[in-house]
Protein backbone atom coordinates (compact mmCIF):
# COMPACT_ATOMS: atom_id res chain seq x y z
CA MET A 1 1.03 13.10 14.20
CA GLN A 2 1.94 9.89 12.40
CA ILE A 3 -0.83 8.26 10.36
CA ILE A 4 -1.17 5.36 7.94
CA LEU A 5 -3.03 6.15 4.74
CA ILE A 6 -5.84 3.75 3.85
CA GLN A 7 -6.47 5.38 0.47
CA ASP A 8 -4.45 7.53 -1.92
CA VAL A 9 -4.68 11.20 -0.88
CA ASP A 10 -3.70 13.91 -3.35
CA ASN A 11 -0.66 15.97 -2.31
CA LEU A 12 -0.11 13.74 0.73
CA GLY A 13 0.72 10.15 -0.18
CA GLN A 14 -0.26 6.73 -1.46
CA LYS A 15 -2.20 3.88 0.12
CA ASN A 16 -0.32 2.02 2.92
CA GLU A 17 2.15 4.89 3.38
CA LEU A 18 3.20 6.23 6.77
CA VAL A 19 3.04 10.05 6.78
CA SER A 20 3.29 12.83 9.32
CA VAL A 21 0.55 15.50 9.38
CA LYS A 22 -0.77 18.09 11.81
CA ASN A 23 -3.05 16.75 14.56
CA GLY A 24 -6.08 18.76 13.47
CA TYR A 25 -5.84 17.65 9.84
CA ALA A 26 -5.65 14.01 10.90
CA ARG A 27 -8.34 14.08 13.60
CA ASN A 28 -10.82 16.40 11.85
CA PHE A 29 -10.51 15.28 8.23
CA LEU A 30 -8.40 12.22 7.38
CA ILE A 31 -9.52 9.82 10.10
CA PRO A 32 -13.29 10.67 10.02
CA GLN A 33 -13.33 10.45 6.20
CA LYS A 34 -11.63 7.02 6.50
CA PHE A 35 -8.60 8.14 4.50
CA ALA A 36 -6.22 7.22 7.32
CA VAL A 37 -5.78 5.56 10.69
CA GLU A 38 -3.55 6.53 13.59
CA ALA A 39 -0.12 4.90 13.51
CA SER A 40 -0.52 2.89 16.72
CA PRO A 41 1.63 -0.21 17.32
CA SER A 42 -1.22 -2.55 16.37
CA ASN A 43 -1.95 -0.60 13.18
CA MET A 44 1.75 -0.66 12.32
CA LYS A 45 1.74 -4.48 12.63
CA GLN A 46 -1.29 -4.67 10.36
CA LEU A 47 0.48 -2.42 7.85
CA GLN A 48 3.53 -4.69 7.86
CA GLU A 49 1.33 -7.74 7.26
CA ARG A 50 -0.51 -6.01 4.39
CA LEU A 51 2.82 -5.05 2.80
CA LYS A 52 4.07 -8.66 3.09
CA VAL A 53 0.91 -10.01 1.45
CA GLN A 54 1.14 -7.39 -1.29
CA LYS A 55 4.78 -8.30 -1.95
CA VAL A 56 3.92 -12.01 -2.25
CA LYS A 57 1.11 -11.23 -4.71
CA GLU A 58 3.45 -9.09 -6.80
CA GLU A 59 6.07 -11.83 -6.88
CA LYS A 60 3.48 -14.39 -8.03
CA LEU A 61 2.27 -12.02 -10.73
CA LEU A 62 5.82 -11.40 -11.95
CA ALA A 63 6.45 -15.15 -12.09
CA GLU A 64 3.30 -15.64 -14.19
CA ILE A 65 4.34 -12.82 -16.50
CA ALA A 66 7.77 -14.39 -16.93
CA LYS A 67 6.13 -17.70 -17.92
CA VAL A 68 3.97 -15.96 -20.52
CA VAL A 69 7.00 -14.16 -21.92
CA GLU A 70 8.84 -17.47 -22.26
CA VAL A 71 5.89 -18.97 -24.14
CA PHE A 72 5.77 -16.02 -26.53
CA GLU A 73 9.52 -16.15 -27.09
CA SER A 74 9.37 -19.87 -27.90
CA PHE A 75 6.78 -19.22 -30.63
CA SER A 76 8.71 -16.42 -32.36
CA CYS A 77 10.68 -17.61 -35.36
């Protein structure tokens, strides 16, 4: 069964990762404990949107870091 992890799960994967597990493990443990959701087409679209938003945030953060590095380099003599 394909699932999308909502949280990091030890020995399985990281948040927002698509993994394959046995049906019983997913239905009896991961999904009820809110560690994962089933990889349905609508959930896959939501995952793609979350990954896009996360990528944009990372790019903005890297741009801010680059600006700070430039400021520090201009002050070094």
